[in-house]
Amino acid sequence: MEQGVKSCDLLLTGSAAVIKSITSGGADYAFECVGDTGLITTALQSCSDGWGLTVTLGVPKVEPSVTAHYSLFLSGKTLKGTLIGGWKPKSDLPKLVDMYMRKEIPVDQFVTHNLHFAEINKAFELMNGGKCLRCVIHMPN
């Protein structure tokens, strides 16, 4: 192996190599936000050896498996996933509701539709069609 070339560097192709080049060794943080598992590998390859952190936020629709060479992890890189911004529903949801009730977070301005439970299929149609930002479903009494 050439002097100064790390084994992980041999794995780099395309955009990962460009990112490592323009950042003088790799990004401190890389975020994958679209649910493309191939991009998770690219983001991981783009991170700095020793401390680079890749965070995946997207939910894959097609291929849920991530493939990465094991040496990427041996070089000190970290891969983390997060859902709902890292909130823990059991403990954090009550806090979130309290913040909403105290008007500390402006949720109402993001609600575009209010529908009855009987119209739940319409809510999914609006969501899938990109025609609503947030839809509140009202449950029957």
N, C-alpha and C. Protein backbone atom coordinates (compact mmCIF):
# COMPACT_ATOMS: atom_id res chain seq x y z
N MET A 1 0.85 -1.18 0.00
CA MET A 1 0.00 0.00 0.00
C MET A 1 0.89 1.24 0.00
N GLU A 2 0.48 2.27 -0.73
CA GLU A 2 1.27 3.49 -0.80
C GLU A 2 1.34 4.15 0.57
N GLN A 3 2.46 4.85 0.80
CA GLN A 3 2.63 5.55 2.06
C GLN A 3 1.60 6.67 2.16
N GLY A 4 0.94 6.80 3.31
CA GLY A 4 -0.05 7.84 3.53
C GLY A 4 -1.45 7.50 3.05
N VAL A 5 -1.62 6.34 2.42
CA VAL A 5 -2.94 5.93 1.95
C VAL A 5 -3.51 4.94 2.96
N LYS A 6 -4.65 5.27 3.52
CA LYS A 6 -5.31 4.40 4.48
C LYS A 6 -6.17 3.39 3.75
N SER A 7 -6.40 2.24 4.37
CA SER A 7 -7.21 1.21 3.72
C SER A 7 -8.61 1.72 3.40
N CYS A 8 -9.18 2.57 4.26
CA CYS A 8 -10.53 3.10 4.01
C CYS A 8 -10.55 4.00 2.78
N ASP A 9 -9.42 4.68 2.50
CA ASP A 9 -9.39 5.57 1.35
C ASP A 9 -9.56 4.81 0.04
N LEU A 10 -9.17 3.55 0.02
CA LEU A 10 -9.30 2.76 -1.19
C LEU A 10 -10.75 2.43 -1.52
N LEU A 11 -11.63 2.56 -0.53
CA LEU A 11 -13.05 2.27 -0.73
C LEU A 11 -13.81 3.44 -1.34
N LEU A 12 -13.22 4.62 -1.29
CA LEU A 12 -13.94 5.82 -1.69
C LEU A 12 -14.12 5.90 -3.19
N THR A 13 -15.34 6.26 -3.56
CA THR A 13 -15.64 6.47 -4.97
C THR A 13 -16.55 7.68 -5.08
N GLY A 14 -16.54 8.32 -6.21
CA GLY A 14 -17.48 9.40 -6.52
C GLY A 14 -17.54 10.51 -5.49
N SER A 15 -18.75 10.81 -5.04
CA SER A 15 -18.97 11.97 -4.17
C SER A 15 -18.27 11.84 -2.83
N ALA A 16 -18.11 10.64 -2.30
CA ALA A 16 -17.41 10.49 -1.02
C ALA A 16 -15.97 10.94 -1.15
N ALA A 17 -15.32 10.60 -2.25
CA ALA A 17 -13.93 11.02 -2.47
C ALA A 17 -13.84 12.53 -2.62
N VAL A 18 -14.81 13.13 -3.30
CA VAL A 18 -14.82 14.58 -3.49
C VAL A 18 -14.99 15.27 -2.13
N ILE A 19 -15.93 14.80 -1.32
CA ILE A 19 -16.17 15.41 -0.01
C ILE A 19 -14.94 15.31 0.87
N LYS A 20 -14.30 14.14 0.90
CA LYS A 20 -13.09 13.98 1.71
C LYS A 20 -11.99 14.92 1.22
N SER A 21 -11.93 15.14 -0.09
CA SER A 21 -10.92 16.02 -0.66
C SER A 21 -11.17 17.49 -0.29
N ILE A 22 -12.40 17.97 -0.49
CA ILE A 22 -12.67 19.40 -0.25
C ILE A 22 -12.76 19.75 1.23
N THR A 23 -12.90 18.75 2.09
CA THR A 23 -12.95 19.01 3.53
C THR A 23 -11.63 18.66 4.22
N SER A 24 -10.61 18.41 3.43
CA SER A 24 -9.28 18.08 3.94
C SER A 24 -9.32 16.89 4.90
N GLY A 25 -10.00 15.85 4.51
CA GLY A 25 -9.99 14.63 5.31
C GLY A 25 -11.35 14.07 5.66
N GLY A 26 -12.39 14.81 5.41
CA GLY A 26 -13.73 14.30 5.67
C GLY A 26 -14.56 15.22 6.54
N ALA A 27 -15.85 15.04 6.45
CA ALA A 27 -16.79 15.86 7.23
C ALA A 27 -16.85 15.38 8.67
N ASP A 28 -17.04 16.31 9.59
CA ASP A 28 -17.25 15.93 10.99
C ASP A 28 -18.61 15.27 11.15
N TYR A 29 -19.61 15.79 10.42
CA TYR A 29 -20.98 15.28 10.48
C TYR A 29 -21.51 15.13 9.06
N ALA A 30 -22.24 14.05 8.82
CA ALA A 30 -22.92 13.84 7.55
C ALA A 30 -24.34 13.38 7.85
N PHE A 31 -25.31 13.93 7.13
CA PHE A 31 -26.72 13.60 7.36
C PHE A 31 -27.33 13.03 6.10
N GLU A 32 -28.01 11.90 6.23
CA GLU A 32 -28.77 11.31 5.14
C GLU A 32 -30.24 11.52 5.49
N CYS A 33 -30.96 12.23 4.63
CA CYS A 33 -32.32 12.65 4.97
C CYS A 33 -33.41 12.15 4.03
N VAL A 34 -33.06 11.35 3.02
CA VAL A 34 -34.05 10.97 2.01
C VAL A 34 -34.44 9.50 2.03
N GLY A 35 -33.82 8.70 2.90
CA GLY A 35 -34.17 7.29 2.97
C GLY A 35 -33.49 6.44 1.93
N ASP A 36 -32.34 6.87 1.43
CA ASP A 36 -31.58 6.11 0.44
C ASP A 36 -30.43 5.42 1.15
N THR A 37 -30.50 4.10 1.28
CA THR A 37 -29.48 3.39 2.05
C THR A 37 -28.11 3.44 1.37
N GLY A 38 -28.07 3.62 0.07
CA GLY A 38 -26.78 3.82 -0.60
C GLY A 38 -26.12 5.11 -0.17
N LEU A 39 -26.94 6.14 0.05
CA LEU A 39 -26.40 7.42 0.52
C LEU A 39 -25.89 7.33 1.96
N ILE A 40 -26.45 6.41 2.74
CA ILE A 40 -25.94 6.23 4.11
C ILE A 40 -24.49 5.78 4.03
N THR A 41 -24.20 4.84 3.14
CA THR A 41 -22.83 4.37 2.97
C THR A 41 -21.94 5.50 2.47
N THR A 42 -22.41 6.28 1.50
CA THR A 42 -21.64 7.41 0.99
C THR A 42 -21.37 8.43 2.09
N ALA A 43 -22.39 8.72 2.89
CA ALA A 43 -22.22 9.68 3.99
C ALA A 43 -21.19 9.16 4.99
N LEU A 44 -21.26 7.89 5.31
CA LEU A 44 -20.31 7.29 6.23
C LEU A 44 -18.89 7.36 5.67
N GLN A 45 -18.73 7.08 4.38
CA GLN A 45 -17.42 7.16 3.74
C GLN A 45 -16.90 8.60 3.72
N SER A 46 -17.79 9.57 3.70
CA SER A 46 -17.42 10.98 3.60
C SER A 46 -16.94 11.57 4.91
N CYS A 47 -17.17 10.88 6.01
CA CYS A 47 -16.81 11.39 7.33
C CYS A 47 -15.33 11.23 7.65
N SER A 48 -14.87 12.08 8.55
CA SER A 48 -13.49 12.01 9.02
C SER A 48 -13.23 10.71 9.74
N ASP A 49 -12.04 10.16 9.51
CA ASP A 49 -11.63 8.98 10.25
C ASP A 49 -11.39 9.40 11.71
N GLY A 50 -11.79 8.56 12.62
CA GLY A 50 -11.55 8.82 14.03
C GLY A 50 -12.72 9.43 14.77
N TRP A 51 -13.48 10.32 14.14
CA TRP A 51 -14.57 10.97 14.86
C TRP A 51 -15.78 11.30 14.00
N GLY A 52 -15.75 11.00 12.73
CA GLY A 52 -16.88 11.35 11.86
C GLY A 52 -18.18 10.68 12.28
N LEU A 53 -19.25 11.45 12.27
CA LEU A 53 -20.57 10.96 12.68
C LEU A 53 -21.55 11.08 11.52
N THR A 54 -22.16 9.98 11.14
CA THR A 54 -23.22 9.98 10.14
C THR A 54 -24.54 9.73 10.84
N VAL A 55 -25.53 10.59 10.56
CA VAL A 55 -26.86 10.45 11.14
C VAL A 55 -27.83 10.22 10.00
N THR A 56 -28.62 9.16 10.10
CA THR A 56 -29.63 8.90 9.08
C THR A 56 -31.01 9.26 9.64
N LEU A 57 -31.74 10.05 8.86
CA LEU A 57 -33.06 10.54 9.26
C LEU A 57 -34.16 9.99 8.36
N GLY A 58 -33.80 9.66 7.13
CA GLY A 58 -34.79 9.22 6.15
C GLY A 58 -35.26 7.80 6.41
N VAL A 59 -36.46 7.50 5.96
CA VAL A 59 -37.02 6.15 6.08
C VAL A 59 -37.02 5.52 4.69
N PRO A 60 -36.27 4.42 4.52
CA PRO A 60 -36.19 3.81 3.19
C PRO A 60 -37.52 3.22 2.74
N LYS A 61 -37.84 3.43 1.47
CA LYS A 61 -39.08 2.90 0.91
C LYS A 61 -38.83 1.62 0.13
N VAL A 62 -37.60 1.42 -0.34
CA VAL A 62 -37.32 0.28 -1.20
C VAL A 62 -36.42 -0.74 -0.52
N GLU A 63 -35.16 -0.40 -0.33
CA GLU A 63 -34.18 -1.34 0.21
C GLU A 63 -33.80 -0.91 1.63
N PRO A 64 -34.25 -1.64 2.65
CA PRO A 64 -33.98 -1.22 4.03
C PRO A 64 -32.61 -1.64 4.56
N SER A 65 -31.84 -2.43 3.82
CA SER A 65 -30.55 -2.89 4.32
C SER A 65 -29.44 -1.91 3.97
N VAL A 66 -28.54 -1.69 4.94
CA VAL A 66 -27.38 -0.83 4.75
C VAL A 66 -26.15 -1.72 4.58
N THR A 67 -25.34 -1.41 3.58
CA THR A 67 -24.11 -2.16 3.35
C THR A 67 -22.94 -1.21 3.46
N ALA A 68 -22.00 -1.54 4.35
CA ALA A 68 -20.80 -0.72 4.52
C ALA A 68 -19.64 -1.64 4.87
N HIS A 69 -18.46 -1.28 4.38
CA HIS A 69 -17.27 -2.06 4.70
C HIS A 69 -16.96 -1.90 6.18
N TYR A 70 -16.64 -3.00 6.83
CA TYR A 70 -16.41 -3.00 8.28
C TYR A 70 -15.28 -2.07 8.70
N SER A 71 -14.31 -1.86 7.83
CA SER A 71 -13.18 -0.99 8.20
C SER A 71 -13.61 0.46 8.42
N LEU A 72 -14.76 0.86 7.87
CA LEU A 72 -15.27 2.21 8.13
C LEU A 72 -15.55 2.42 9.61
N PHE A 73 -16.01 1.36 10.27
CA PHE A 73 -16.30 1.46 11.71
C PHE A 73 -15.03 1.30 12.53
N LEU A 74 -14.11 0.48 12.07
CA LEU A 74 -12.85 0.30 12.78
C LEU A 74 -12.02 1.58 12.78
N SER A 75 -12.28 2.45 11.80
CA SER A 75 -11.53 3.71 11.72
C SER A 75 -12.10 4.77 12.66
N GLY A 76 -13.12 4.41 13.45
CA GLY A 76 -13.65 5.34 14.45
C GLY A 76 -14.87 6.12 14.03
N LYS A 77 -15.43 5.81 12.89
CA LYS A 77 -16.63 6.51 12.44
C LYS A 77 -17.85 5.94 13.16
N THR A 78 -18.89 6.76 13.26
CA THR A 78 -20.11 6.35 13.95
C THR A 78 -21.31 6.55 13.03
N LEU A 79 -22.22 5.58 13.05
CA LEU A 79 -23.48 5.67 12.32
C LEU A 79 -24.60 5.62 13.34
N LYS A 80 -25.46 6.65 13.31
CA LYS A 80 -26.61 6.72 14.22
C LYS A 80 -27.87 6.96 13.40
N GLY A 81 -28.95 6.46 13.91
CA GLY A 81 -30.25 6.73 13.31
C GLY A 81 -31.10 7.51 14.29
N THR A 82 -32.04 8.26 13.75
CA THR A 82 -32.95 8.99 14.62
C THR A 82 -34.34 9.01 13.99
N LEU A 83 -35.33 8.93 14.82
CA LEU A 83 -36.72 8.99 14.38
C LEU A 83 -37.43 9.99 15.28
N ILE A 84 -38.20 10.84 14.72
CA ILE A 84 -38.91 11.89 15.45
C ILE A 84 -37.93 12.78 16.20
N GLY A 85 -36.78 13.05 15.58
CA GLY A 85 -35.80 13.96 16.16
C GLY A 85 -35.17 13.47 17.44
N GLY A 86 -35.22 12.18 17.69
CA GLY A 86 -34.62 11.64 18.91
C GLY A 86 -35.53 11.70 20.13
N TRP A 87 -36.77 12.14 19.93
CA TRP A 87 -37.71 12.19 21.04
C TRP A 87 -38.03 10.78 21.51
N LYS A 88 -38.25 10.64 22.81
CA LYS A 88 -38.68 9.37 23.39
C LYS A 88 -40.16 9.53 23.72
N PRO A 89 -41.03 8.90 22.94
CA PRO A 89 -42.46 9.14 23.08
C PRO A 89 -42.99 9.00 24.51
N LYS A 90 -42.58 7.98 25.24
CA LYS A 90 -43.15 7.75 26.58
C LYS A 90 -42.83 8.89 27.55
N SER A 91 -41.61 9.39 27.51
CA SER A 91 -41.25 10.44 28.46
C SER A 91 -41.34 11.84 27.87
N ASP A 92 -41.10 11.99 26.58
CA ASP A 92 -41.04 13.32 25.99
C ASP A 92 -42.37 13.84 25.44
N LEU A 93 -43.26 12.94 25.04
CA LEU A 93 -44.54 13.39 24.48
C LEU A 93 -45.36 14.21 25.49
N PRO A 94 -45.45 13.79 26.75
CA PRO A 94 -46.17 14.64 27.71
C PRO A 94 -45.55 16.04 27.85
N LYS A 95 -44.23 16.13 27.77
CA LYS A 95 -43.56 17.44 27.83
C LYS A 95 -43.94 18.28 26.61
N LEU A 96 -43.99 17.62 25.46
CA LEU A 96 -44.34 18.31 24.23
C LEU A 96 -45.77 18.85 24.29
N VAL A 97 -46.68 18.05 24.82
CA VAL A 97 -48.08 18.49 24.97
C VAL A 97 -48.15 19.66 25.93
N ASP A 98 -47.42 19.60 27.03
CA ASP A 98 -47.40 20.72 27.99
C ASP A 98 -46.86 21.99 27.34
N MET A 99 -45.83 21.88 26.54
CA MET A 99 -45.28 23.04 25.85
C MET A 99 -46.31 23.62 24.88
N TYR A 100 -47.04 22.74 24.20
CA TYR A 100 -48.09 23.21 23.29
C TYR A 100 -49.20 23.93 24.06
N MET A 101 -49.62 23.35 25.17
CA MET A 101 -50.71 23.95 25.96
C MET A 101 -50.30 25.31 26.53
N ARG A 102 -49.02 25.50 26.83
CA ARG A 102 -48.52 26.78 27.33
C ARG A 102 -48.20 27.75 26.19
N LYS A 103 -48.50 27.34 24.96
CA LYS A 103 -48.27 28.14 23.75
C LYS A 103 -46.78 28.45 23.54
N GLU A 104 -45.91 27.53 23.99
CA GLU A 104 -44.47 27.70 23.80
C GLU A 104 -44.02 27.23 22.43
N ILE A 105 -44.81 26.38 21.80
CA ILE A 105 -44.48 25.94 20.44
C ILE A 105 -45.71 26.16 19.56
N PRO A 106 -45.53 26.78 18.39
CA PRO A 106 -46.64 27.13 17.51
C PRO A 106 -47.04 25.99 16.58
N VAL A 107 -47.83 25.06 17.06
CA VAL A 107 -48.22 23.91 16.26
C VAL A 107 -49.38 24.24 15.32
N ASP A 108 -50.34 25.00 15.81
CA ASP A 108 -51.56 25.26 15.05
C ASP A 108 -51.31 25.84 13.66
N GLN A 109 -50.30 26.65 13.51
CA GLN A 109 -50.05 27.28 12.21
C GLN A 109 -49.61 26.27 11.14
N PHE A 110 -49.24 25.07 11.56
CA PHE A 110 -48.81 24.05 10.61
C PHE A 110 -49.92 23.06 10.25
N VAL A 111 -51.07 23.16 10.89
CA VAL A 111 -52.19 22.28 10.60
C VAL A 111 -52.92 22.84 9.38
N THR A 112 -52.97 22.03 8.32
CA THR A 112 -53.62 22.49 7.09
C THR A 112 -55.01 21.89 6.91
N HIS A 113 -55.30 20.77 7.61
CA HIS A 113 -56.58 20.11 7.47
C HIS A 113 -57.03 19.54 8.82
N ASN A 114 -58.30 19.66 9.09
CA ASN A 114 -58.95 19.02 10.24
C ASN A 114 -60.04 18.11 9.68
N LEU A 115 -59.91 16.80 9.92
CA LEU A 115 -60.87 15.85 9.38
C LEU A 115 -61.39 14.92 10.47
N HIS A 116 -62.61 14.43 10.26
CA HIS A 116 -63.18 13.45 11.18
C HIS A 116 -62.56 12.08 10.89
N PHE A 117 -62.59 11.21 11.88
CA PHE A 117 -62.01 9.88 11.74
C PHE A 117 -62.58 9.13 10.52
N ALA A 118 -63.84 9.35 10.24
CA ALA A 118 -64.47 8.69 9.10
C ALA A 118 -63.82 9.11 7.77
N GLU A 119 -63.10 10.23 7.77
CA GLU A 119 -62.44 10.73 6.56
C GLU A 119 -60.94 10.39 6.53
N ILE A 120 -60.54 9.39 7.28
CA ILE A 120 -59.12 9.08 7.39
C ILE A 120 -58.49 8.74 6.05
N ASN A 121 -59.24 8.08 5.17
CA ASN A 121 -58.70 7.76 3.83
C ASN A 121 -58.41 9.03 3.04
N LYS A 122 -59.26 10.05 3.21
CA LYS A 122 -59.01 11.33 2.55
C LYS A 122 -57.72 11.95 3.08
N ALA A 123 -57.48 11.79 4.39
CA ALA A 123 -56.26 12.32 4.98
C ALA A 123 -55.02 11.68 4.34
N PHE A 124 -55.08 10.36 4.13
CA PHE A 124 -53.96 9.68 3.49
C PHE A 124 -53.80 10.12 2.04
N GLU A 125 -54.91 10.34 1.35
CA GLU A 125 -54.85 10.82 -0.04
C GLU A 125 -54.19 12.20 -0.10
N LEU A 126 -54.57 13.08 0.83
CA LEU A 126 -53.97 14.41 0.88
C LEU A 126 -52.48 14.32 1.15
N MET A 127 -52.11 13.47 2.11
CA MET A 127 -50.71 13.31 2.48
C MET A 127 -49.90 12.73 1.30
N ASN A 128 -50.40 11.65 0.71
CA ASN A 128 -49.68 11.02 -0.40
C ASN A 128 -49.60 11.91 -1.62
N GLY A 129 -50.58 12.78 -1.79
CA GLY A 129 -50.59 13.70 -2.92
C GLY A 129 -49.80 14.98 -2.65
N GLY A 130 -49.23 15.09 -1.46
CA GLY A 130 -48.47 16.29 -1.12
C GLY A 130 -49.32 17.53 -0.98
N LYS A 131 -50.60 17.34 -0.61
CA LYS A 131 -51.53 18.47 -0.53
C LYS A 131 -51.81 18.93 0.89
N CYS A 132 -51.12 18.34 1.87
CA CYS A 132 -51.30 18.82 3.24
C CYS A 132 -49.97 18.79 3.96
N LEU A 133 -49.82 19.71 4.89
CA LEU A 133 -48.62 19.75 5.71
C LEU A 133 -48.84 18.89 6.95
N ARG A 134 -49.91 19.17 7.67
CA ARG A 134 -50.30 18.37 8.84
C ARG A 134 -51.81 18.28 8.85
N CYS A 135 -52.29 17.06 9.09
CA CYS A 135 -53.72 16.82 9.14
C CYS A 135 -54.07 16.28 10.52
N VAL A 136 -55.03 16.91 11.18
CA VAL A 136 -55.49 16.45 12.49
C VAL A 136 -56.74 15.62 12.27
N ILE A 137 -56.71 14.41 12.83
CA ILE A 137 -57.87 13.51 12.74
C ILE A 137 -58.62 13.60 14.07
N HIS A 138 -59.90 13.94 14.01
CA HIS A 138 -60.72 14.06 15.21
C HIS A 138 -61.48 12.75 15.43
N MET A 139 -61.26 12.16 16.60
CA MET A 139 -61.89 10.89 16.95
C MET A 139 -63.34 11.12 17.40
N PRO A 140 -64.22 10.17 17.11
CA PRO A 140 -65.61 10.31 17.57
C PRO A 140 -65.69 10.16 19.09
N ASN A 141 -66.69 10.77 19.69
CA ASN A 141 -66.87 10.66 21.16
C ASN A 141 -67.46 9.33 21.54
